[in-house]
Amino acid sequence: MNMFKKNNENKTTKKLPMTGKVKKGFRTYCTLVMAATIICGMSVTAFAANDPITVVNNLSEFIFGLIRAIGLILLGFGIVQVGLSLKSHDPSQRANGFLTLAGGVIITFAKEILTLITG
């Protein structure tokens, strides 16, 4: 039983006929679209803060947000590792899981820890 029919006929593709005016119009349309895209993309206004400390604080918040995301990933991986070690009764994997879990907690709360230390 053949479910899919195969046509062994040679099929050829043909270009659609396009006159000179249509080609020129299409070329003009593409050029206008590209020009509008470039103009809109390059005309983005950058709002700078008056206070340079604000810029540094914003950068600091962004970097600590990235560090917190990495810490949460490590925290989740540590929880999974501890769970798998409890299932397989593997003490070395359990130790590695708890170390990863502790590292994830420390990295997640790095900003709060640094704030607490520096005052």
Protein backbone atom coordinates (compact mmCIF):
# COMPACT_ATOMS: atom_id res chain seq x y z
CA MET A 1 0.00 0.00 0.00
CA ASN A 2 1.53 3.24 -1.14
CA MET A 3 0.41 6.20 1.00
CA PHE A 4 2.35 8.90 -0.75
CA LYS A 5 2.28 9.28 -4.48
CA LYS A 6 5.52 10.18 -6.15
CA ASN A 7 5.39 11.99 -9.41
CA ASN A 8 8.47 11.21 -11.38
CA GLU A 9 7.69 13.83 -13.94
CA ASN A 10 10.29 16.51 -14.42
CA LYS A 11 8.83 19.75 -13.20
CA THR A 12 10.31 23.04 -14.27
CA THR A 13 9.91 26.40 -12.67
CA LYS A 14 9.32 29.50 -14.69
CA LYS A 15 9.86 33.09 -13.73
CA LEU A 16 6.82 35.27 -13.80
CA PRO A 17 6.90 37.77 -16.60
CA MET A 18 7.76 41.25 -15.38
CA THR A 19 7.86 44.26 -17.58
CA GLY A 20 10.38 47.07 -17.29
CA LYS A 21 7.94 49.44 -15.56
CA VAL A 22 7.05 46.83 -12.91
CA LYS A 23 10.74 46.11 -12.25
CA LYS A 24 11.49 49.81 -11.89
CA GLY A 25 8.50 50.32 -9.58
CA PHE A 26 9.47 47.33 -7.41
CA ARG A 27 13.06 48.56 -7.22
CA THR A 28 11.85 52.04 -6.19
CA TYR A 29 9.53 50.54 -3.54
CA CYS A 30 12.34 48.42 -2.06
CA THR A 31 14.66 51.42 -1.98
CA LEU A 32 12.07 53.55 -0.20
CA VAL A 33 11.38 50.84 2.38
CA MET A 34 15.10 50.40 3.08
CA ALA A 35 15.63 54.18 3.35
CA ALA A 36 12.69 54.55 5.75
CA THR A 37 14.00 51.66 7.87
CA ILE A 38 17.48 53.16 8.07
CA ILE A 39 16.15 56.65 8.87
CA CYS A 40 13.85 55.35 11.63
CA GLY A 41 16.59 53.12 13.03
CA MET A 42 19.19 55.88 13.20
CA SER A 43 16.95 58.56 14.67
CA VAL A 44 16.62 57.06 18.14
CA THR A 45 17.05 59.70 20.80
CA ALA A 46 19.43 58.84 23.63
CA PHE A 47 18.37 60.43 26.90
CA ALA A 48 21.39 61.05 29.08
CA ALA A 49 21.10 61.66 32.78
CA ASN A 50 22.27 64.97 34.19
CA ASP A 51 23.97 63.29 37.13
CA PRO A 52 26.80 60.84 36.36
CA ILE A 53 26.13 59.04 39.65
CA THR A 54 22.71 58.06 38.31
CA VAL A 55 24.35 56.43 35.30
CA VAL A 56 26.74 54.49 37.55
CA ASN A 57 23.87 53.40 39.81
CA ASN A 58 21.83 52.23 36.83
CA LEU A 59 24.79 50.22 35.52
CA SER A 60 25.33 48.76 38.98
CA GLU A 61 21.67 47.72 39.20
CA PHE A 62 21.90 46.06 35.78
CA ILE A 63 25.06 44.12 36.65
CA PHE A 64 23.68 42.99 40.01
CA GLY A 65 20.49 41.89 38.21
CA LEU A 66 22.60 39.68 35.93
CA ILE A 67 24.49 38.29 38.92
CA ARG A 68 21.19 37.57 40.68
CA ALA A 69 19.93 35.67 37.62
CA ILE A 70 23.07 33.53 37.57
CA GLY A 71 22.67 32.89 41.30
CA LEU A 72 19.07 31.78 40.84
CA ILE A 73 20.14 29.37 38.09
CA LEU A 74 22.81 27.90 40.40
CA LEU A 75 20.28 27.71 43.21
CA GLY A 76 17.87 25.73 41.04
CA PHE A 77 20.64 23.44 39.83
CA GLY A 78 21.72 22.82 43.44
CA ILE A 79 18.17 21.88 44.45
CA VAL A 80 17.96 19.41 41.55
CA GLN A 81 21.36 17.96 42.42
CA VAL A 82 20.42 17.46 46.08
CA GLY A 83 17.13 15.84 45.06
CA LEU A 84 18.87 13.44 42.70
CA SER A 85 21.47 12.57 45.35
CA LEU A 86 18.74 11.77 47.88
CA LYS A 87 17.13 9.47 45.35
CA SER A 88 20.36 7.65 44.43
CA HIS A 89 21.87 7.62 47.98
CA ASP A 90 25.13 9.13 46.71
CA PRO A 91 26.93 11.07 49.48
CA SER A 92 29.49 12.80 47.22
CA GLN A 93 26.75 14.06 44.89
CA ARG A 94 24.80 15.22 47.95
CA ALA A 95 27.83 17.20 49.18
CA ASN A 96 28.28 18.79 45.75
CA GLY A 97 24.56 19.60 45.67
CA PHE A 98 24.67 21.35 49.04
CA LEU A 99 27.79 23.29 48.01
CA THR A 100 26.08 24.39 44.77
CA LEU A 101 22.98 25.32 46.76
CA ALA A 102 25.01 27.42 49.21
CA GLY A 103 26.92 29.08 46.37
CA GLY A 104 23.66 29.91 44.61
CA VAL A 105 22.25 31.52 47.76
CA ILE A 106 25.42 33.59 48.27
CA ILE A 107 25.50 34.72 44.63
CA THR A 108 21.77 35.50 44.60
CA PHE A 109 22.05 37.75 47.63
CA ALA A 110 25.48 39.22 46.78
CA LYS A 111 24.23 42.81 46.62
CA GLU A 112 22.51 42.59 50.00
CA ILE A 113 25.60 40.96 51.53
CA LEU A 114 27.87 43.70 50.14
CA THR A 115 25.49 46.40 51.38
CA LEU A 116 25.45 44.81 54.82
CA ILE A 117 29.27 44.61 54.94
CA THR A 118 29.94 48.14 53.68
CA GLY A 119 27.18 49.72 55.71
